[in-house]
Amino acid sequence: MSVGPVFLMFSDSFKTDIEIISGASAPFFMPSVQNDGTAICDILWYEPDHLDFCAIRFGGAFINSITIALISTALTLYIGCMTAYALVRYRFIGRDLVSLATLAVRMVPPAVLLVPAFGLWNNVFCLDKDSFVGAWIRDVVGERGDVCLAGTHSGIILIHAAMNLPFVIWNLQSFVVQVPHSPREGARVDGAGPFHVSRRIVMPPINPGLAAAAIFTFLIAWNECLLASALAGRDTRTVPILIVNNTREFSIEWGIIMTTCMLLAVPPILFTLFASRQIITGMTAGAVKG
């Protein structure tokens, strides 16, 4: 059942809109790469013959999605790992409350964050256009008003990191608590600092947890559309936003949508396969041959 929609999407990406709507060519049809040329026309070294104008900017949206997903994943894992380590290894007042709050925050629907994030990113987190830094950024980027987080890669990266950070902290806590105390204490006696202990002693045993959290964070950041559509600008639109914008009320180009969806599915599959190898490697590294 799960393979059926994927196969339908794959086959429809090689059909014309007339063939998809009529269904006359199913299940046998003559494959065409016309939709592929239309979808990636902005990154081709030649101009497709069937196009008069390249309206779909998939290449730029794809680069935006890769940049936002990778940076937000790395930022979330770094902050989440340090926070989980501090919540497990250090005792302070309110530690249990903070640990519970991280999981409670994750229960907040992303739609609830839409209006507050839009207001903060457009009004609060801004640099005055008359300030030195604001004027320099404005001259480099070419903006005329105040420099705000809205419409930038940084704004989308921060909202994705804030949205995924509670789950990453909660997930990594269960892995950090299983790290034995003796290697950590021995490294501290030898003069190792907190960052050295975290990188050399704590990180290797929790690689499976990091890989699982990386897969979760990357998939959420890659597929997220609601917050990104509200905070993204014309030059920072991601692939999901491009797909939504390509659906019109009276004219829907199903072939191009299916092709774009197929291209959208490739990076998460590759990232998941790579991260899954880290999970298997971390699990087998601690195995003892009987």
Protein backbone atom coordinates (compact mmCIF):
# COMPACT_ATOMS: atom_id res chain seq x y z
CA MET A 1 0.00 0.00 0.00
CA SER A 2 2.82 2.43 0.78
CA VAL A 3 4.58 1.75 -2.54
CA GLY A 4 1.48 2.49 -4.64
CA PRO A 5 1.43 6.30 -4.27
CA VAL A 6 5.20 6.47 -4.83
CA PHE A 7 4.91 4.40 -8.01
CA LEU A 8 2.00 6.54 -9.21
CA MET A 9 3.98 9.72 -8.56
CA PHE A 10 7.01 8.29 -10.36
CA SER A 11 5.02 7.19 -13.42
CA ASP A 12 3.03 10.44 -13.63
CA SER A 13 6.25 12.46 -13.63
CA PHE A 14 6.95 11.06 -17.13
CA LYS A 15 3.46 11.81 -18.49
CA THR A 16 1.90 14.92 -19.94
CA ASP A 17 -0.95 16.66 -18.16
CA ILE A 18 -3.44 15.37 -20.74
CA GLU A 19 -2.32 11.78 -20.16
CA ILE A 20 -2.54 12.17 -16.39
CA ILE A 21 -6.02 13.71 -16.39
CA SER A 22 -7.53 11.43 -19.04
CA GLY A 23 -5.84 8.24 -17.85
CA ALA A 24 -5.98 6.91 -21.40
CA SER A 25 -2.31 5.90 -21.44
CA ALA A 26 -2.39 3.87 -18.22
CA PRO A 27 -0.71 1.51 -17.59
CA PHE A 28 1.32 1.73 -20.82
CA PHE A 29 2.57 5.07 -22.10
CA MET A 30 5.49 6.69 -23.88
CA PRO A 31 7.76 8.26 -21.21
CA SER A 32 8.71 11.89 -21.67
CA VAL A 33 11.32 14.01 -19.91
CA GLN A 34 9.54 17.23 -20.76
CA ASN A 35 8.42 17.73 -17.17
CA ASP A 36 11.98 17.30 -15.92
CA GLY A 37 13.23 19.99 -18.29
CA THR A 38 10.48 22.34 -17.16
CA ALA A 39 11.11 21.73 -13.45
CA ILE A 40 14.89 22.25 -13.52
CA CYS A 41 15.07 24.74 -16.39
CA ASP A 42 16.87 27.33 -14.27
CA ILE A 43 19.88 25.05 -13.63
CA LEU A 44 20.21 23.53 -17.11
CA TRP A 45 23.05 24.63 -19.35
CA TYR A 46 20.64 24.78 -22.30
CA GLU A 47 17.15 26.13 -22.86
CA PRO A 48 14.48 23.44 -23.42
CA ASP A 49 12.80 23.74 -26.82
CA HIS A 50 9.28 23.50 -25.42
CA LEU A 51 9.76 26.47 -23.07
CA ASP A 52 9.51 30.14 -23.95
CA PHE A 53 10.19 31.27 -20.39
CA CYS A 54 11.57 29.47 -17.33
CA ALA A 55 8.88 30.19 -14.74
CA ILE A 56 9.77 27.53 -12.15
CA ARG A 57 12.94 28.27 -10.18
CA PHE A 58 13.52 24.79 -8.78
CA GLY A 59 17.32 25.13 -8.61
CA GLY A 60 17.23 28.13 -6.30
CA ALA A 61 14.51 26.58 -4.14
CA PHE A 62 16.47 23.33 -3.94
CA ILE A 63 19.61 25.15 -2.77
CA ASN A 64 17.53 27.03 -0.19
CA SER A 65 16.04 23.77 1.11
CA ILE A 66 19.45 22.09 1.36
CA THR A 67 20.99 25.10 3.11
CA ILE A 68 18.16 25.52 5.60
CA ALA A 69 17.77 21.81 6.37
CA LEU A 70 21.48 21.08 6.87
CA ILE A 71 22.29 24.18 8.94
CA SER A 72 19.18 23.86 11.11
CA THR A 73 19.94 20.16 11.68
CA ALA A 74 23.56 20.87 12.68
CA LEU A 75 22.54 23.77 14.94
CA THR A 76 19.78 21.75 16.61
CA LEU A 77 22.04 18.75 17.23
CA TYR A 78 24.83 20.90 18.68
CA ILE A 79 22.60 22.83 21.08
CA GLY A 80 20.50 19.76 21.87
CA CYS A 81 23.52 17.60 22.68
CA MET A 82 25.02 20.19 25.02
CA THR A 83 21.68 20.81 26.73
CA ALA A 84 20.94 17.10 27.17
CA TYR A 85 24.40 16.56 28.65
CA ALA A 86 23.90 19.43 31.11
CA LEU A 87 20.44 18.21 32.17
CA VAL A 88 21.73 14.69 32.83
CA ARG A 89 25.16 15.31 34.38
CA TYR A 90 24.70 18.52 36.38
CA ARG A 91 22.39 19.01 39.35
CA PHE A 92 20.68 22.37 39.76
CA ILE A 93 17.39 23.71 41.02
CA GLY A 94 14.56 23.14 38.56
CA ARG A 95 16.40 20.53 36.49
CA ASP A 96 13.43 18.16 36.36
CA LEU A 97 11.09 21.02 35.53
CA VAL A 98 13.29 22.12 32.63
CA SER A 99 13.49 18.55 31.36
CA LEU A 100 9.71 18.21 31.47
CA ALA A 101 9.20 21.63 29.87
CA THR A 102 11.32 20.67 26.86
CA LEU A 103 8.92 17.84 26.06
CA ALA A 104 5.83 19.95 26.82
CA VAL A 105 6.96 22.67 24.41
CA ARG A 106 7.19 20.10 21.61
CA MET A 107 3.46 19.45 22.01
CA VAL A 108 2.66 22.98 20.81
CA PRO A 109 1.38 22.81 17.19
CA PRO A 110 3.55 24.68 14.68
CA ALA A 111 0.51 26.68 13.53
CA VAL A 112 0.37 28.33 16.96
CA LEU A 113 3.87 29.73 16.40
CA LEU A 114 2.96 31.26 13.05
CA VAL A 115 1.60 34.65 14.13
CA PRO A 116 4.07 35.27 17.01
CA ALA A 117 7.05 34.28 14.86
CA PHE A 118 5.86 36.46 11.99
CA GLY A 119 5.51 39.46 14.30
CA LEU A 120 8.86 38.93 16.01
CA TRP A 121 10.75 38.28 12.78
CA ASN A 122 9.29 41.39 11.10
CA ASN A 123 9.25 43.90 13.97
CA VAL A 124 11.47 42.90 16.90
CA PHE A 125 14.46 41.05 15.44
CA CYS A 126 15.46 43.84 13.07
CA LEU A 127 18.43 46.11 12.55
CA ASP A 128 17.71 49.78 11.96
CA LYS A 129 18.49 50.78 8.39
CA ASP A 130 20.31 53.87 9.68
CA SER A 131 22.67 51.90 11.95
CA PHE A 132 26.17 50.98 10.81
CA VAL A 133 25.54 47.23 10.60
CA GLY A 134 22.08 47.70 9.12
CA ALA A 135 23.39 50.07 6.45
CA TRP A 136 26.22 47.67 5.56
CA ILE A 137 23.87 44.69 5.25
CA ARG A 138 21.39 46.80 3.32
CA ASP A 139 24.09 47.84 0.84
CA VAL A 140 25.30 44.26 0.38
CA VAL A 141 21.89 42.63 0.11
CA GLY A 142 20.21 45.50 -1.68
CA GLU A 143 17.29 46.00 0.71
CA ARG A 144 15.83 49.45 1.24
CA GLY A 145 14.11 49.08 4.61
CA ASP A 146 15.17 47.74 7.98
CA VAL A 147 17.10 44.47 7.96
CA CYS A 148 14.88 41.83 9.62
CA LEU A 149 15.02 38.07 10.06
CA ALA A 150 11.88 37.67 7.98
CA GLY A 151 12.70 36.74 4.41
CA THR A 152 16.18 35.43 5.24
CA HIS A 153 17.68 31.98 5.57
CA SER A 154 18.60 32.74 9.17
CA GLY A 155 15.01 33.41 10.13
CA ILE A 156 13.78 30.07 8.78
CA ILE A 157 16.76 28.21 10.26
CA LEU A 158 16.11 29.63 13.73
CA ILE A 159 12.40 28.78 13.72
CA HIS A 160 13.14 25.23 12.56
CA ALA A 161 15.81 24.82 15.23
CA ALA A 162 13.48 26.14 17.92
CA MET A 163 10.71 23.82 16.76
CA ASN A 164 12.88 20.66 16.73
CA LEU A 165 15.15 21.39 19.70
CA PRO A 166 12.78 20.08 22.44
CA PHE A 167 12.48 16.65 20.82
CA VAL A 168 16.24 16.41 20.24
CA ILE A 169 16.96 17.25 23.89
CA TRP A 170 14.41 14.74 25.14
CA ASN A 171 15.69 12.04 22.78
CA LEU A 172 19.38 12.52 23.58
CA GLN A 173 18.82 12.51 27.34
CA SER A 174 18.04 8.79 27.23
CA PHE A 175 21.37 8.16 25.48
CA VAL A 176 23.53 10.46 27.62
CA VAL A 177 22.28 8.86 30.85
CA GLN A 178 23.66 5.50 29.66
CA VAL A 179 27.23 6.83 29.29
CA PRO A 180 29.30 5.47 32.24
CA HIS A 181 30.77 7.89 34.76
CA SER A 182 34.23 6.33 35.07
CA PRO A 183 35.66 7.36 31.65
CA ARG A 184 34.34 10.88 32.13
CA GLU A 185 35.80 11.18 35.62
CA GLY A 186 39.11 9.73 34.45
CA ALA A 187 39.33 12.29 31.66
CA ARG A 188 38.56 15.11 34.09
CA VAL A 189 41.33 13.89 36.41
CA ASP A 190 43.75 13.93 33.47
CA GLY A 191 42.94 17.59 32.91
CA ALA A 192 40.39 17.36 30.10
CA GLY A 193 37.92 20.22 29.88
CA PRO A 194 34.12 19.92 29.53
CA PHE A 195 34.18 20.30 25.75
CA HIS A 196 36.95 17.71 25.38
CA VAL A 197 35.04 15.29 27.60
CA SER A 198 31.87 15.84 25.60
CA ARG A 199 33.59 15.37 22.25
CA ARG A 200 35.84 12.42 23.14
CA ILE A 201 33.92 10.56 25.85
CA VAL A 202 30.23 11.40 25.53
CA MET A 203 29.75 11.80 21.77
CA PRO A 204 30.90 8.35 20.49
CA PRO A 205 28.46 6.26 22.59
CA ILE A 206 25.49 8.45 21.69
CA ASN A 207 26.10 8.43 17.92
CA PRO A 208 22.97 6.29 17.32
CA GLY A 209 20.87 8.85 19.18
CA LEU A 210 22.46 11.70 17.26
CA ALA A 211 21.78 9.92 13.96
CA ALA A 212 18.14 9.30 14.87
CA ALA A 213 17.70 12.92 15.97
CA ALA A 214 19.43 14.10 12.78
CA ILE A 215 17.02 12.11 10.60
CA PHE A 216 14.01 13.48 12.47
CA THR A 217 15.26 17.08 12.38
CA PHE A 218 16.29 16.98 8.72
CA LEU A 219 12.96 15.53 7.58
CA ILE A 220 10.97 18.12 9.53
CA ALA A 221 13.09 21.01 8.25
CA TRP A 222 13.04 19.67 4.69
CA ASN A 223 9.27 19.13 4.45
CA GLU A 224 8.05 22.03 6.62
CA CYS A 225 5.94 24.46 4.62
CA LEU A 226 3.60 26.43 6.90
CA LEU A 227 6.15 28.48 8.85
CA ALA A 228 8.55 28.69 5.91
CA SER A 229 5.85 30.09 3.61
CA ALA A 230 5.12 32.89 6.11
CA LEU A 231 8.75 33.76 6.87
CA ALA A 232 10.44 33.16 3.50
CA GLY A 233 11.07 35.86 0.95
CA ARG A 234 11.17 35.73 -2.82
CA ASP A 235 14.79 34.56 -2.83
CA THR A 236 14.52 32.16 0.13
CA ARG A 237 11.59 30.00 -0.90
CA THR A 238 12.03 26.27 -0.38
CA VAL A 239 10.87 23.39 -2.58
CA PRO A 240 7.62 22.70 -0.63
CA ILE A 241 6.65 26.36 -1.07
CA LEU A 242 7.45 26.09 -4.78
CA ILE A 243 5.14 23.07 -5.11
CA VAL A 244 2.30 24.82 -3.28
CA ASN A 245 2.69 27.98 -5.38
CA ASN A 246 2.57 25.89 -8.55
CA THR A 247 -0.98 24.73 -7.76
CA ARG A 248 -3.52 27.15 -9.20
CA GLU A 249 -7.27 27.31 -8.86
CA PHE A 250 -8.14 26.59 -12.49
CA SER A 251 -4.90 25.21 -13.93
CA ILE A 252 -2.76 22.61 -12.15
CA GLU A 253 0.31 21.25 -13.93
CA TRP A 254 0.22 17.75 -12.49
CA GLY A 255 3.21 16.47 -14.43
CA ILE A 256 5.51 19.21 -13.16
CA ILE A 257 4.18 18.79 -9.61
CA MET A 258 4.86 15.05 -9.69
CA THR A 259 8.36 15.62 -11.07
CA THR A 260 9.12 18.21 -8.41
CA CYS A 261 7.83 15.87 -5.70
CA MET A 262 10.10 13.09 -6.96
CA LEU A 263 13.10 15.43 -6.87
CA LEU A 264 12.01 16.58 -3.41
CA ALA A 265 12.12 13.00 -2.12
CA VAL A 266 15.71 12.26 -3.20
CA PRO A 267 17.75 14.21 -0.57
CA PRO A 268 15.79 12.87 2.46
CA ILE A 269 16.26 9.31 1.21
CA LEU A 270 20.01 9.79 0.77
CA PHE A 271 20.35 11.55 4.14
CA THR A 272 18.37 8.82 5.90
CA LEU A 273 20.50 6.07 4.34
CA PHE A 274 23.69 7.85 5.43
CA ALA A 275 22.45 8.50 8.96
CA SER A 276 21.13 4.95 9.29
CA ARG A 277 24.64 3.65 8.73
CA GLN A 278 25.76 5.70 11.72
CA ILE A 279 23.03 4.08 13.83
CA ILE A 280 24.15 0.58 12.85
CA THR A 281 27.83 1.47 13.36
CA GLY A 282 27.13 2.85 16.83
CA MET A 283 25.11 -0.20 17.84
CA THR A 284 27.70 -2.71 16.62
CA ALA A 285 30.62 -0.77 18.10
CA GLY A 286 29.51 -1.68 21.59
CA ALA A 287 28.67 -5.29 20.82
CA VAL A 288 30.64 -8.04 22.56
CA LYS A 289 31.36 -11.24 20.72
CA GLY A 290 30.19 -14.24 22.74
